[in-house]
Amino acid sequence: MSENPDERRLYRRIPLKLAVLCQKAGLMEGRLYTGNTINVSPGGVLMEINGSGLDVGELVNLELAVPPTQGLLEFGGRFSTYARILRIQAPAHLPPEKIMAGEGSDIYRIAMEFCEVPRLRM
């Protein structure tokens, strides 16, 4: 638990950029949403994804790609879990290269709570 009395999070977040793939739970052929994590904790994740069409409270299948790491995961892997969307917001500031490329309109910051412990698949 955080030592800041105003902090409501149960776990400390760690800044970590991993590739993300998610899809609304229960859909076999629904839209896939892609992006990157901003930070991760044992209880959830904050990420930036092309999340137009997702809603607060929805359950999603979530995969986080772990890059190959010498001495740890030589070939990389994926964490997979179910997560519930807690908050969706458009980022306050986008890098100029994303604005110039016209990528800003569908990029959202989405906070998700893990519904089960993420499992590592290699």
C-alpha atoms as a PDB file:
ATOM      1  CA  MET A   1       0.000   0.000   0.000  1.00  0.00           C
ATOM      2  CA  SER A   2       1.214   3.500  -0.788  1.00  0.00           C
ATOM      3  CA  GLU A   3       2.424   5.732   2.057  1.00  0.00           C
ATOM      4  CA  ASN A   4       0.610   8.764   0.575  1.00  0.00           C
ATOM      5  CA  PRO A   5      -2.721   9.119   2.476  1.00  0.00           C
ATOM      6  CA  ASP A   6      -4.450  10.460  -0.675  1.00  0.00           C
ATOM      7  CA  GLU A   7      -3.380   7.439  -2.728  1.00  0.00           C
ATOM      8  CA  ARG A   8      -6.209   4.902  -3.110  1.00  0.00           C
ATOM      9  CA  ARG A   9      -4.323   2.275  -5.091  1.00  0.00           C
ATOM     10  CA  LEU A  10      -3.585  -0.991  -3.355  1.00  0.00           C
ATOM     11  CA  TYR A  11      -0.368  -1.613  -5.344  1.00  0.00           C
ATOM     12  CA  ARG A  12       2.455   0.619  -6.515  1.00  0.00           C
ATOM     13  CA  ARG A  13       2.611   1.145 -10.274  1.00  0.00           C
ATOM     14  CA  ILE A  14       5.809   0.498 -12.201  1.00  0.00           C
ATOM     15  CA  PRO A  15       6.479   2.406 -15.434  1.00  0.00           C
ATOM     16  CA  LEU A  16       6.730  -0.268 -18.116  1.00  0.00           C
ATOM     17  CA  LYS A  17       6.123  -0.162 -21.861  1.00  0.00           C
ATOM     18  CA  LEU A  18       4.846  -3.455 -23.268  1.00  0.00           C
ATOM     19  CA  ALA A  19       2.832  -4.114 -26.420  1.00  0.00           C
ATOM     20  CA  VAL A  20      -0.860  -4.720 -25.656  1.00  0.00           C
ATOM     21  CA  LEU A  21      -3.581  -6.588 -27.504  1.00  0.00           C
ATOM     22  CA  CYS A  22      -7.137  -6.733 -26.178  1.00  0.00           C
ATOM     23  CA  GLN A  23     -10.606  -7.725 -27.280  1.00  0.00           C
ATOM     24  CA  LYS A  24     -14.014  -7.552 -25.646  1.00  0.00           C
ATOM     25  CA  ALA A  25     -14.552 -10.768 -23.678  1.00  0.00           C
ATOM     26  CA  GLY A  26     -16.888 -13.328 -25.187  1.00  0.00           C
ATOM     27  CA  LEU A  27     -16.321 -12.243 -28.795  1.00  0.00           C
ATOM     28  CA  MET A  28     -14.557 -14.773 -30.987  1.00  0.00           C
ATOM     29  CA  GLU A  29     -14.147 -12.468 -33.976  1.00  0.00           C
ATOM     30  CA  GLY A  30     -14.583  -8.986 -32.527  1.00  0.00           C
ATOM     31  CA  ARG A  31     -12.347  -5.967 -33.042  1.00  0.00           C
ATOM     32  CA  LEU A  32      -8.792  -6.206 -31.728  1.00  0.00           C
ATOM     33  CA  TYR A  33      -7.408  -3.159 -29.916  1.00  0.00           C
ATOM     34  CA  THR A  34      -3.654  -2.545 -29.894  1.00  0.00           C
ATOM     35  CA  GLY A  35      -1.331  -0.196 -28.041  1.00  0.00           C
ATOM     36  CA  ASN A  36       1.238  -0.008 -25.227  1.00  0.00           C
ATOM     37  CA  THR A  37       1.239  -0.051 -21.462  1.00  0.00           C
ATOM     38  CA  ILE A  38       2.219   3.098 -19.569  1.00  0.00           C
ATOM     39  CA  ASN A  39       2.495   1.441 -16.176  1.00  0.00           C
ATOM     40  CA  VAL A  40       1.684  -1.911 -14.601  1.00  0.00           C
ATOM     41  CA  SER A  41       0.984  -3.174 -11.074  1.00  0.00           C
ATOM     42  CA  PRO A  42      -0.046  -6.562  -9.680  1.00  0.00           C
ATOM     43  CA  GLY A  43      -3.645  -5.296  -9.687  1.00  0.00           C
ATOM     44  CA  GLY A  44      -3.944  -3.666 -13.096  1.00  0.00           C
ATOM     45  CA  VAL A  45      -2.554  -1.638 -15.942  1.00  0.00           C
ATOM     46  CA  LEU A  46      -2.716   1.819 -17.504  1.00  0.00           C
ATOM     47  CA  MET A  47      -2.257   1.840 -21.260  1.00  0.00           C
ATOM     48  CA  GLU A  48      -2.645   3.874 -24.403  1.00  0.00           C
ATOM     49  CA  ILE A  49      -4.595   2.041 -27.093  1.00  0.00           C
ATOM     50  CA  ASN A  50      -6.779   2.714 -30.098  1.00  0.00           C
ATOM     51  CA  GLY A  51      -9.713   2.226 -27.764  1.00  0.00           C
ATOM     52  CA  SER A  52     -12.603   3.853 -29.580  1.00  0.00           C
ATOM     53  CA  GLY A  53     -15.569   1.564 -28.942  1.00  0.00           C
ATOM     54  CA  LEU A  54     -14.652   0.352 -25.453  1.00  0.00           C
ATOM     55  CA  ASP A  55     -16.738   1.345 -22.409  1.00  0.00           C
ATOM     56  CA  VAL A  56     -16.152   1.622 -18.657  1.00  0.00           C
ATOM     57  CA  GLY A  57     -17.180  -1.588 -16.908  1.00  0.00           C
ATOM     58  CA  GLU A  58     -16.581  -3.846 -19.900  1.00  0.00           C
ATOM     59  CA  LEU A  59     -14.627  -7.066 -19.523  1.00  0.00           C
ATOM     60  CA  VAL A  60     -11.791  -7.663 -22.012  1.00  0.00           C
ATOM     61  CA  ASN A  61      -9.310 -10.396 -22.847  1.00  0.00           C
ATOM     62  CA  LEU A  62      -5.896  -8.797 -22.418  1.00  0.00           C
ATOM     63  CA  GLU A  63      -2.458  -9.877 -23.655  1.00  0.00           C
ATOM     64  CA  LEU A  64       0.803  -8.145 -22.746  1.00  0.00           C
ATOM     65  CA  ALA A  65       3.818  -9.031 -24.909  1.00  0.00           C
ATOM     66  CA  VAL A  66       7.098  -9.529 -23.035  1.00  0.00           C
ATOM     67  CA  PRO A  67      10.145  -8.980 -25.253  1.00  0.00           C
ATOM     68  CA  PRO A  68      13.034 -11.467 -25.241  1.00  0.00           C
ATOM     69  CA  THR A  69      15.340 -10.763 -22.297  1.00  0.00           C
ATOM     70  CA  GLN A  70      18.745 -12.362 -21.942  1.00  0.00           C
ATOM     71  CA  GLY A  71      18.921 -14.609 -18.901  1.00  0.00           C
ATOM     72  CA  LEU A  72      15.211 -14.235 -18.102  1.00  0.00           C
ATOM     73  CA  LEU A  73      12.927 -14.991 -21.052  1.00  0.00           C
ATOM     74  CA  GLU A  74      15.261 -15.818 -23.914  1.00  0.00           C
ATOM     75  CA  PHE A  75      12.425 -16.015 -26.454  1.00  0.00           C
ATOM     76  CA  GLY A  76       9.951 -13.614 -24.869  1.00  0.00           C
ATOM     77  CA  GLY A  77       6.388 -14.485 -24.011  1.00  0.00           C
ATOM     78  CA  ARG A  78       2.904 -13.152 -23.328  1.00  0.00           C
ATOM     79  CA  PHE A  79       0.926 -12.503 -20.183  1.00  0.00           C
ATOM     80  CA  SER A  80      -2.780 -13.114 -20.655  1.00  0.00           C
ATOM     81  CA  THR A  81      -5.711 -12.340 -18.373  1.00  0.00           C
ATOM     82  CA  TYR A  82      -9.191 -10.884 -18.155  1.00  0.00           C
ATOM     83  CA  ALA A  83      -9.504  -7.259 -17.083  1.00  0.00           C
ATOM     84  CA  ARG A  84     -12.297  -4.794 -16.332  1.00  0.00           C
ATOM     85  CA  ILE A  85     -12.152  -1.248 -17.707  1.00  0.00           C
ATOM     86  CA  LEU A  86     -12.138   1.259 -14.848  1.00  0.00           C
ATOM     87  CA  ARG A  87     -11.504   4.555 -16.647  1.00  0.00           C
ATOM     88  CA  ILE A  88     -11.149   5.866 -20.209  1.00  0.00           C
ATOM     89  CA  GLN A  89      -9.721   9.250 -21.117  1.00  0.00           C
ATOM     90  CA  ALA A  90      -8.175  10.948 -24.110  1.00  0.00           C
ATOM     91  CA  PRO A  91      -4.518  11.755 -23.369  1.00  0.00           C
ATOM     92  CA  ALA A  92      -3.913  15.357 -22.367  1.00  0.00           C
ATOM     93  CA  HIS A  93      -0.818  15.552 -24.554  1.00  0.00           C
ATOM     94  CA  LEU A  94       0.152  13.566 -27.628  1.00  0.00           C
ATOM     95  CA  PRO A  95       3.648  13.637 -29.140  1.00  0.00           C
ATOM     96  CA  PRO A  96       3.828  15.894 -32.242  1.00  0.00           C
ATOM     97  CA  GLU A  97       4.670  12.929 -34.501  1.00  0.00           C
ATOM     98  CA  LYS A  98       1.374  11.219 -33.598  1.00  0.00           C
ATOM     99  CA  ILE A  99      -0.626  14.393 -34.238  1.00  0.00           C
ATOM    100  CA  MET A 100       1.149  14.946 -37.579  1.00  0.00           C
ATOM    101  CA  ALA A 101       0.437  11.332 -38.576  1.00  0.00           C
ATOM    102  CA  GLY A 102      -3.252  11.759 -37.716  1.00  0.00           C
ATOM    103  CA  GLU A 103      -3.073   9.074 -35.020  1.00  0.00           C
ATOM    104  CA  GLY A 104      -4.472  11.136 -32.150  1.00  0.00           C
ATOM    105  CA  SER A 105      -8.191  10.711 -32.741  1.00  0.00           C
ATOM    106  CA  ASP A 106      -8.477   7.065 -31.629  1.00  0.00           C
ATOM    107  CA  ILE A 107      -5.802   6.964 -28.904  1.00  0.00           C
ATOM    108  CA  TYR A 108      -7.127   6.729 -25.355  1.00  0.00           C
ATOM    109  CA  ARG A 109      -5.619   6.122 -21.938  1.00  0.00           C
ATOM    110  CA  ILE A 110      -7.430   3.202 -20.395  1.00  0.00           C
ATOM    111  CA  ALA A 111      -7.084   2.007 -16.797  1.00  0.00           C
ATOM    112  CA  MET A 112      -7.909  -1.663 -16.262  1.00  0.00           C
ATOM    113  CA  GLU A 113      -8.189  -3.868 -13.203  1.00  0.00           C
ATOM    114  CA  PHE A 114      -7.055  -7.485 -13.554  1.00  0.00           C
ATOM    115  CA  CYS A 115      -9.894  -9.936 -12.809  1.00  0.00           C
ATOM    116  CA  GLU A 116      -7.462 -12.832 -12.415  1.00  0.00           C
ATOM    117  CA  VAL A 117      -3.716 -13.165 -12.001  1.00  0.00           C
ATOM    118  CA  PRO A 118      -2.053 -12.779 -15.435  1.00  0.00           C
ATOM    119  CA  ARG A 119      -0.595 -16.056 -16.750  1.00  0.00           C
ATOM    120  CA  LEU A 120       2.672 -16.248 -18.652  1.00  0.00           C
ATOM    121  CA  ARG A 121       2.567 -18.086 -21.975  1.00  0.00           C
ATOM    122  CA  MET A 122       5.737 -18.746 -23.908  1.00  0.00           C
END
